[in-house]
Amino acid sequence: MIFGLVQILLFQSLGELISQLLLPTLPGPVIGLVLLVLWLVIRKGVNAELAMVADGFSQHLGLLFIPAAVGVVLFLPQLKANAIAIISALVGSVVLTIAASALVARLLSKKNDS
């Protein structure tokens, strides 16, 4: 289990290092995650220690939403004051996302039919 945790922290550290030195616009953990996925693709599998740590993390993933929920409760007066704008933005973004996805799917299906 320790080896799996060390692997995760190693790739996150590599991502932070690359972020600081080469790609300051990308977050280090994202770069580390991409590096970890590439490493796992090259190795063609996940070792047992890493799988055990990943399973442990995924079982407690709900805990990561607690800070967001606290933030929502903390800013509830501002959310109530701007409820119409927030709802409009959410509905508009969902409609635009669905429309863009349908358009892309239609364009890709026409290419496949040819």
Protein backbone atom coordinates (compact mmCIF):
# COMPACT_ATOMS: atom_id res chain seq x y z
CA MET A 1 0.00 0.00 0.00
CA ILE A 2 2.85 2.38 0.77
CA PHE A 3 4.37 1.77 -2.67
CA GLY A 4 1.07 2.73 -4.35
CA LEU A 5 0.84 5.94 -2.34
CA VAL A 6 4.47 6.74 -3.16
CA GLN A 7 3.72 6.28 -6.86
CA ILE A 8 0.81 8.72 -6.70
CA LEU A 9 2.82 11.30 -4.77
CA LEU A 10 5.81 10.86 -7.09
CA PHE A 11 3.74 11.60 -10.19
CA GLN A 12 2.05 14.54 -8.48
CA SER A 13 5.47 15.91 -7.53
CA LEU A 14 6.71 15.47 -11.08
CA GLY A 15 3.63 17.29 -12.31
CA GLU A 16 4.27 20.16 -9.89
CA LEU A 17 7.89 20.37 -11.00
CA ILE A 18 6.94 20.46 -14.68
CA SER A 19 4.25 23.02 -13.92
CA GLN A 20 6.70 25.29 -12.13
CA LEU A 21 9.47 24.98 -14.73
CA LEU A 22 7.82 24.47 -18.10
CA LEU A 23 4.03 24.82 -18.10
CA PRO A 24 2.93 27.39 -15.53
CA THR A 25 -0.58 27.61 -16.96
CA LEU A 26 -1.41 23.98 -16.18
CA PRO A 27 -1.93 22.74 -12.61
CA GLY A 28 0.72 20.34 -11.36
CA PRO A 29 -1.70 17.62 -10.22
CA VAL A 30 -3.28 17.55 -13.69
CA ILE A 31 0.12 17.12 -15.33
CA GLY A 32 0.98 14.45 -12.76
CA LEU A 33 -2.26 12.59 -13.49
CA VAL A 34 -1.55 12.63 -17.23
CA LEU A 35 1.97 11.34 -16.57
CA LEU A 36 0.59 8.59 -14.34
CA VAL A 37 -1.91 7.52 -16.99
CA LEU A 38 0.82 7.50 -19.65
CA TRP A 39 3.03 5.42 -17.34
CA LEU A 40 0.22 2.94 -16.77
CA VAL A 41 -0.44 2.70 -20.51
CA ILE A 42 3.24 2.05 -21.17
CA ARG A 43 3.30 -0.62 -18.43
CA LYS A 44 -0.01 -2.04 -19.76
CA GLY A 45 -1.63 -2.35 -16.38
CA VAL A 46 -1.98 -1.23 -12.81
CA ASN A 47 -0.03 -2.94 -10.06
CA ALA A 48 -1.85 -4.28 -7.00
CA GLU A 49 -0.52 -1.64 -4.58
CA LEU A 50 -1.65 1.27 -6.76
CA ALA A 51 -5.03 -0.36 -7.34
CA MET A 52 -5.50 -0.79 -3.58
CA VAL A 53 -4.72 2.88 -2.89
CA ALA A 54 -6.98 4.02 -5.75
CA ASP A 55 -9.83 1.87 -4.41
CA GLY A 56 -9.35 3.38 -0.96
CA PHE A 57 -9.43 6.90 -2.36
CA SER A 58 -12.52 6.23 -4.46
CA GLN A 59 -14.41 4.83 -1.45
CA HIS A 60 -13.97 8.15 0.36
CA LEU A 61 -14.38 10.45 -2.65
CA GLY A 62 -17.56 11.95 -1.21
CA LEU A 63 -15.51 13.68 1.48
CA LEU A 64 -14.07 15.97 -1.19
CA PHE A 65 -17.50 17.55 -1.68
CA ILE A 66 -17.79 18.71 1.93
CA PRO A 67 -15.73 21.91 1.40
CA ALA A 68 -17.85 22.81 -1.63
CA ALA A 69 -21.05 22.30 0.36
CA VAL A 70 -19.71 24.47 3.17
CA GLY A 71 -18.86 27.16 0.61
CA VAL A 72 -22.40 27.06 -0.76
CA VAL A 73 -23.86 27.47 2.72
CA LEU A 74 -21.38 30.25 3.51
CA PHE A 75 -22.37 32.26 0.44
CA LEU A 76 -26.09 31.47 0.58
CA PRO A 77 -27.16 35.15 0.86
CA GLN A 78 -25.19 36.06 -2.28
CA LEU A 79 -26.57 33.02 -4.09
CA LYS A 80 -30.14 34.01 -3.18
CA ALA A 81 -29.55 37.58 -4.31
CA ASN A 82 -28.24 36.42 -7.70
CA ALA A 83 -30.42 33.34 -8.12
CA ILE A 84 -31.98 34.39 -11.44
CA ALA A 85 -28.61 35.12 -13.03
CA ILE A 86 -27.11 31.87 -11.73
CA ILE A 87 -30.06 29.76 -12.91
CA SER A 88 -30.03 31.51 -16.29
CA ALA A 89 -26.32 30.85 -16.71
CA LEU A 90 -26.69 27.20 -15.71
CA VAL A 91 -29.66 26.55 -18.01
CA GLY A 92 -28.04 28.44 -20.87
CA SER A 93 -24.78 26.56 -20.55
CA VAL A 94 -26.58 23.20 -20.45
CA VAL A 95 -28.61 24.06 -23.57
CA LEU A 96 -25.52 25.29 -25.43
CA THR A 97 -23.55 22.19 -24.43
CA ILE A 98 -26.30 19.87 -25.64
CA ALA A 99 -26.62 21.82 -28.90
CA ALA A 100 -22.86 21.79 -29.51
CA SER A 101 -22.67 18.07 -28.72
CA ALA A 102 -25.52 17.33 -31.12
CA LEU A 103 -23.86 19.41 -33.83
CA VAL A 104 -20.53 17.63 -33.40
CA ALA A 105 -22.25 14.23 -33.36
CA ARG A 106 -24.13 15.11 -36.57
CA LEU A 107 -20.94 16.28 -38.29
CA LEU A 108 -19.04 13.18 -37.23
CA SER A 109 -21.83 10.83 -38.26
CA LYS A 110 -21.92 12.43 -41.75
CA LYS A 111 -18.17 11.80 -42.11
CA ASN A 112 -18.60 8.16 -41.10
CA ASP A 113 -21.47 7.65 -43.58
CA SER A 114 -19.34 8.77 -46.55
